Amino acid sequence: MQVSPVKRTTIFCKDIKKSLSLYKDILGFKIEEDKIVTGKEIGKMIGLDDCKMHICHLSSKNSSSGIIGLYEIAAKDVPELVKPKVGKIHYGQVAIVFNTDDPDTLYSKLSKNRYVFLTHPTKYEKSEDSDFMKAGIYTEMIFYDPDDVLVSILGYQKLSKK
């Protein structure tokens, strides 16, 4: 193996408070680290002369992999990413996928907080096990986070025996 499983996904966000209201308050991630870093070295790592970053690393169920990093940059001349057209998938878009045992409650919370959906909860049946995914009924929804990153929530139920 040349690399490990995904250690962290970093989202460069415009407003870390808005992002925390989703990832911490709605999705249930726990803040593992909350810090401010500054300096030319930090700026150089992301193609800037100098910057200040507010960083929050969040985990689910105290996992050391699959960390979400929210990085709010305070610097001059950080360009805006061209927003994809809402409601349509675009080549190159990335979706962060999470499992849940309660997709209905999450959908209710997301709707109440007016998140925009690419896909409202959709159920589909996978009839046979594979090495990657078990047979069952899956419920998947995909929505946009505050920085237009796609977030997919995947629920699972075992197939009932007939």
C-alpha atoms as a PDB file:
ATOM      1  CA  MET A   1       0.000   0.000   0.000  1.00  0.00           C
ATOM      2  CA  GLN A   2       1.410   3.380  -0.962  1.00  0.00           C
ATOM      3  CA  VAL A   3      -1.006   5.615   0.977  1.00  0.00           C
ATOM      4  CA  SER A   4      -3.424   5.244   3.866  1.00  0.00           C
ATOM      5  CA  PRO A   5      -7.203   5.558   3.733  1.00  0.00           C
ATOM      6  CA  VAL A   6      -8.410   9.169   3.689  1.00  0.00           C
ATOM      7  CA  LYS A   7      -7.087  10.824   6.836  1.00  0.00           C
ATOM      8  CA  ARG A   8      -8.789  14.187   6.467  1.00  0.00           C
ATOM      9  CA  THR A   9     -10.978  16.116   4.100  1.00  0.00           C
ATOM     10  CA  THR A  10     -10.251  19.844   4.237  1.00  0.00           C
ATOM     11  CA  ILE A  11     -12.871  22.400   3.316  1.00  0.00           C
ATOM     12  CA  PHE A  12     -11.640  25.970   2.850  1.00  0.00           C
ATOM     13  CA  CYS A  13     -14.712  27.784   4.100  1.00  0.00           C
ATOM     14  CA  LYS A  14     -15.770  31.415   3.996  1.00  0.00           C
ATOM     15  CA  ASP A  15     -17.577  31.315   7.343  1.00  0.00           C
ATOM     16  CA  ILE A  16     -16.451  28.684   9.825  1.00  0.00           C
ATOM     17  CA  LYS A  17     -19.430  29.380  12.122  1.00  0.00           C
ATOM     18  CA  LYS A  18     -21.881  28.460   9.348  1.00  0.00           C
ATOM     19  CA  SER A  19     -19.891  25.328   8.561  1.00  0.00           C
ATOM     20  CA  LEU A  20     -19.752  24.328  12.238  1.00  0.00           C
ATOM     21  CA  SER A  21     -23.514  24.720  12.511  1.00  0.00           C
ATOM     22  CA  LEU A  22     -23.805  21.970   9.880  1.00  0.00           C
ATOM     23  CA  TYR A  23     -20.952  19.592  10.659  1.00  0.00           C
ATOM     24  CA  LYS A  24     -21.075  19.893  14.472  1.00  0.00           C
ATOM     25  CA  ASP A  25     -24.634  20.870  15.359  1.00  0.00           C
ATOM     26  CA  ILE A  26     -26.604  18.940  12.715  1.00  0.00           C
ATOM     27  CA  LEU A  27     -24.344  16.055  11.637  1.00  0.00           C
ATOM     28  CA  GLY A  28     -22.947  15.518  15.151  1.00  0.00           C
ATOM     29  CA  PHE A  29     -19.206  15.820  14.587  1.00  0.00           C
ATOM     30  CA  LYS A  30     -17.060  16.581  17.642  1.00  0.00           C
ATOM     31  CA  ILE A  31     -14.394  19.302  17.629  1.00  0.00           C
ATOM     32  CA  GLU A  32     -11.021  17.640  18.213  1.00  0.00           C
ATOM     33  CA  GLU A  33      -8.901  20.728  17.605  1.00  0.00           C
ATOM     34  CA  ASP A  34      -9.708  24.434  17.312  1.00  0.00           C
ATOM     35  CA  LYS A  35      -6.779  26.740  16.604  1.00  0.00           C
ATOM     36  CA  ILE A  36      -5.536  29.831  14.784  1.00  0.00           C
ATOM     37  CA  VAL A  37      -2.354  29.606  12.718  1.00  0.00           C
ATOM     38  CA  THR A  38      -0.584  32.502  11.033  1.00  0.00           C
ATOM     39  CA  GLY A  39       2.497  33.314   9.059  1.00  0.00           C
ATOM     40  CA  LYS A  40       4.268  33.242   5.755  1.00  0.00           C
ATOM     41  CA  GLU A  41       4.921  29.468   5.979  1.00  0.00           C
ATOM     42  CA  ILE A  42       1.201  28.771   6.411  1.00  0.00           C
ATOM     43  CA  GLY A  43       0.408  31.098   3.503  1.00  0.00           C
ATOM     44  CA  LYS A  44       3.043  29.474   1.297  1.00  0.00           C
ATOM     45  CA  MET A  45       1.449  26.026   1.794  1.00  0.00           C
ATOM     46  CA  ILE A  46      -1.736  27.296   0.135  1.00  0.00           C
ATOM     47  CA  GLY A  47      -0.250  29.619  -2.465  1.00  0.00           C
ATOM     48  CA  LEU A  48      -0.482  32.894  -0.527  1.00  0.00           C
ATOM     49  CA  ASP A  49       2.210  35.290   0.630  1.00  0.00           C
ATOM     50  CA  ASP A  50       0.883  35.368   4.185  1.00  0.00           C
ATOM     51  CA  CYS A  51      -2.318  34.426   5.943  1.00  0.00           C
ATOM     52  CA  LYS A  52      -4.194  33.710   9.119  1.00  0.00           C
ATOM     53  CA  MET A  53      -6.324  30.565   9.315  1.00  0.00           C
ATOM     54  CA  HIS A  54      -8.917  29.458  11.826  1.00  0.00           C
ATOM     55  CA  ILE A  55      -8.796  25.654  11.794  1.00  0.00           C
ATOM     56  CA  CYS A  56     -11.265  23.220  13.314  1.00  0.00           C
ATOM     57  CA  HIS A  57     -10.672  19.491  12.998  1.00  0.00           C
ATOM     58  CA  LEU A  58     -13.802  17.435  13.595  1.00  0.00           C
ATOM     59  CA  SER A  59     -14.270  13.711  14.090  1.00  0.00           C
ATOM     60  CA  SER A  60     -17.150  11.304  14.150  1.00  0.00           C
ATOM     61  CA  LYS A  61     -17.191   8.736  16.955  1.00  0.00           C
ATOM     62  CA  ASN A  62     -13.613   9.652  17.990  1.00  0.00           C
ATOM     63  CA  SER A  63     -12.161   8.235  14.789  1.00  0.00           C
ATOM     64  CA  SER A  64      -8.589   9.144  13.870  1.00  0.00           C
ATOM     65  CA  SER A  65      -9.375   8.859  10.149  1.00  0.00           C
ATOM     66  CA  GLY A  66     -12.070  10.516   8.107  1.00  0.00           C
ATOM     67  CA  ILE A  67     -11.511  13.819   9.907  1.00  0.00           C
ATOM     68  CA  ILE A  68     -13.250  16.915   8.520  1.00  0.00           C
ATOM     69  CA  GLY A  69     -11.008  19.974   8.531  1.00  0.00           C
ATOM     70  CA  LEU A  70     -12.724  23.346   8.348  1.00  0.00           C
ATOM     71  CA  TYR A  71     -10.210  26.050   7.406  1.00  0.00           C
ATOM     72  CA  GLU A  72     -11.325  29.681   7.317  1.00  0.00           C
ATOM     73  CA  ILE A  73      -8.688  31.867   5.645  1.00  0.00           C
ATOM     74  CA  ALA A  74      -8.197  35.520   6.529  1.00  0.00           C
ATOM     75  CA  ALA A  75      -6.044  36.871   3.705  1.00  0.00           C
ATOM     76  CA  LYS A  76      -6.197  39.300   0.826  1.00  0.00           C
ATOM     77  CA  ASP A  77      -6.951  38.182  -2.706  1.00  0.00           C
ATOM     78  CA  VAL A  78      -8.396  34.713  -2.079  1.00  0.00           C
ATOM     79  CA  PRO A  79     -10.454  34.135  -5.231  1.00  0.00           C
ATOM     80  CA  GLU A  80     -13.952  32.696  -5.231  1.00  0.00           C
ATOM     81  CA  LEU A  81     -14.480  29.267  -6.738  1.00  0.00           C
ATOM     82  CA  VAL A  82     -16.917  29.334  -9.638  1.00  0.00           C
ATOM     83  CA  LYS A  83     -20.145  27.991  -8.192  1.00  0.00           C
ATOM     84  CA  PRO A  84     -21.626  24.996  -9.970  1.00  0.00           C
ATOM     85  CA  LYS A  85     -25.209  25.272 -11.137  1.00  0.00           C
ATOM     86  CA  VAL A  86     -27.374  24.125  -8.229  1.00  0.00           C
ATOM     87  CA  GLY A  87     -29.433  21.029  -8.941  1.00  0.00           C
ATOM     88  CA  LYS A  88     -27.037  19.521 -11.473  1.00  0.00           C
ATOM     89  CA  ILE A  89     -23.930  17.404 -10.996  1.00  0.00           C
ATOM     90  CA  HIS A  90     -20.731  18.734 -12.597  1.00  0.00           C
ATOM     91  CA  TYR A  91     -17.576  16.891 -13.626  1.00  0.00           C
ATOM     92  CA  GLY A  92     -14.926  17.406 -10.987  1.00  0.00           C
ATOM     93  CA  GLN A  93     -17.366  17.989  -8.134  1.00  0.00           C
ATOM     94  CA  VAL A  94     -16.594  16.120  -4.970  1.00  0.00           C
ATOM     95  CA  ALA A  95     -19.104  14.684  -2.518  1.00  0.00           C
ATOM     96  CA  ILE A  96     -18.294  13.752   1.047  1.00  0.00           C
ATOM     97  CA  VAL A  97     -20.286  10.634   1.968  1.00  0.00           C
ATOM     98  CA  PHE A  98     -21.430   9.769   5.494  1.00  0.00           C
ATOM     99  CA  ASN A  99     -23.438   6.826   6.798  1.00  0.00           C
ATOM    100  CA  THR A 100     -26.323   7.308   9.198  1.00  0.00           C
ATOM    101  CA  ASP A 101     -28.778   5.086  11.012  1.00  0.00           C
ATOM    102  CA  ASP A 102     -31.434   7.832  10.977  1.00  0.00           C
ATOM    103  CA  PRO A 103     -31.734   9.513   7.561  1.00  0.00           C
ATOM    104  CA  ASP A 104     -35.269  10.780   8.259  1.00  0.00           C
ATOM    105  CA  THR A 105     -34.206  12.833  11.287  1.00  0.00           C
ATOM    106  CA  LEU A 106     -31.216  14.287   9.422  1.00  0.00           C
ATOM    107  CA  TYR A 107     -33.394  15.182   6.444  1.00  0.00           C
ATOM    108  CA  SER A 108     -35.813  16.957   8.761  1.00  0.00           C
ATOM    109  CA  LYS A 109     -32.999  18.963  10.405  1.00  0.00           C
ATOM    110  CA  LEU A 110     -31.413  19.847   7.067  1.00  0.00           C
ATOM    111  CA  SER A 111     -34.746  20.920   5.577  1.00  0.00           C
ATOM    112  CA  LYS A 112     -35.612  22.975   8.670  1.00  0.00           C
ATOM    113  CA  ASN A 113     -32.270  24.782   8.287  1.00  0.00           C
ATOM    114  CA  ARG A 114     -32.967  25.370   4.578  1.00  0.00           C
ATOM    115  CA  TYR A 115     -30.119  23.397   3.059  1.00  0.00           C
ATOM    116  CA  VAL A 116     -30.434  23.032  -0.710  1.00  0.00           C
ATOM    117  CA  PHE A 117     -30.618  19.479  -2.033  1.00  0.00           C
ATOM    118  CA  LEU A 118     -29.250  18.006  -5.226  1.00  0.00           C
ATOM    119  CA  THR A 119     -31.123  14.798  -4.326  1.00  0.00           C
ATOM    120  CA  HIS A 120     -33.877  14.528  -1.742  1.00  0.00           C
ATOM    121  CA  PRO A 121     -33.952  11.189   0.135  1.00  0.00           C
ATOM    122  CA  THR A 122     -34.169   8.454  -2.455  1.00  0.00           C
ATOM    123  CA  LYS A 123     -34.550   4.767  -1.592  1.00  0.00           C
ATOM    124  CA  TYR A 124     -33.089   2.021  -3.695  1.00  0.00           C
ATOM    125  CA  GLU A 125     -32.601  -1.708  -3.208  1.00  0.00           C
ATOM    126  CA  LYS A 126     -29.318  -3.551  -3.604  1.00  0.00           C
ATOM    127  CA  SER A 127     -30.326  -7.195  -3.846  1.00  0.00           C
ATOM    128  CA  GLU A 128     -26.930  -8.908  -3.538  1.00  0.00           C
ATOM    129  CA  ASP A 129     -23.929  -8.491  -1.239  1.00  0.00           C
ATOM    130  CA  SER A 130     -20.641  -7.382  -2.707  1.00  0.00           C
ATOM    131  CA  ASP A 131     -17.230  -7.022  -1.108  1.00  0.00           C
ATOM    132  CA  PHE A 132     -17.881  -3.304  -0.852  1.00  0.00           C
ATOM    133  CA  MET A 133     -21.573  -2.977   0.061  1.00  0.00           C
ATOM    134  CA  LYS A 134     -24.094  -5.287   1.692  1.00  0.00           C
ATOM    135  CA  ALA A 135     -27.456  -6.103   0.194  1.00  0.00           C
ATOM    136  CA  GLY A 136     -30.195  -3.916   1.614  1.00  0.00           C
ATOM    137  CA  ILE A 137     -32.371  -0.871   1.234  1.00  0.00           C
ATOM    138  CA  TYR A 138     -30.335   2.310   0.942  1.00  0.00           C
ATOM    139  CA  THR A 139     -31.654   5.824   1.427  1.00  0.00           C
ATOM    140  CA  GLU A 140     -29.415   8.501  -0.042  1.00  0.00           C
ATOM    141  CA  MET A 141     -29.685  12.275  -0.047  1.00  0.00           C
ATOM    142  CA  ILE A 142     -27.184  14.793  -1.379  1.00  0.00           C
ATOM    143  CA  PHE A 143     -27.129  18.451  -0.354  1.00  0.00           C
ATOM    144  CA  TYR A 144     -24.867  21.500  -0.544  1.00  0.00           C
ATOM    145  CA  ASP A 145     -22.920  22.650   2.525  1.00  0.00           C
ATOM    146  CA  PRO A 146     -22.406  26.405   3.177  1.00  0.00           C
ATOM    147  CA  ASP A 147     -19.489  26.437   0.700  1.00  0.00           C
ATOM    148  CA  ASP A 148     -21.332  24.422  -1.957  1.00  0.00           C
ATOM    149  CA  VAL A 149     -19.472  21.194  -1.200  1.00  0.00           C
ATOM    150  CA  LEU A 150     -21.737  18.232  -1.899  1.00  0.00           C
ATOM    151  CA  VAL A 151     -22.533  16.127   1.162  1.00  0.00           C
ATOM    152  CA  SER A 152     -24.154  12.728   0.716  1.00  0.00           C
ATOM    153  CA  ILE A 153     -25.940  10.991   3.578  1.00  0.00           C
ATOM    154  CA  LEU A 154     -26.431   7.248   3.203  1.00  0.00           C
ATOM    155  CA  GLY A 155     -28.861   5.264   5.325  1.00  0.00           C
ATOM    156  CA  TYR A 156     -29.043   1.468   5.343  1.00  0.00           C
ATOM    157  CA  GLN A 157     -31.607  -1.181   6.293  1.00  0.00           C
ATOM    158  CA  LYS A 158     -31.253  -4.929   5.949  1.00  0.00           C
ATOM    159  CA  LEU A 159     -33.499  -6.622   3.417  1.00  0.00           C
ATOM    160  CA  SER A 160     -36.477  -8.261   5.095  1.00  0.00           C
ATOM    161  CA  LYS A 161     -36.604 -11.998   4.620  1.00  0.00           C
ATOM    162  CA  LYS A 162     -39.538 -13.162   2.525  1.00  0.00           C
END
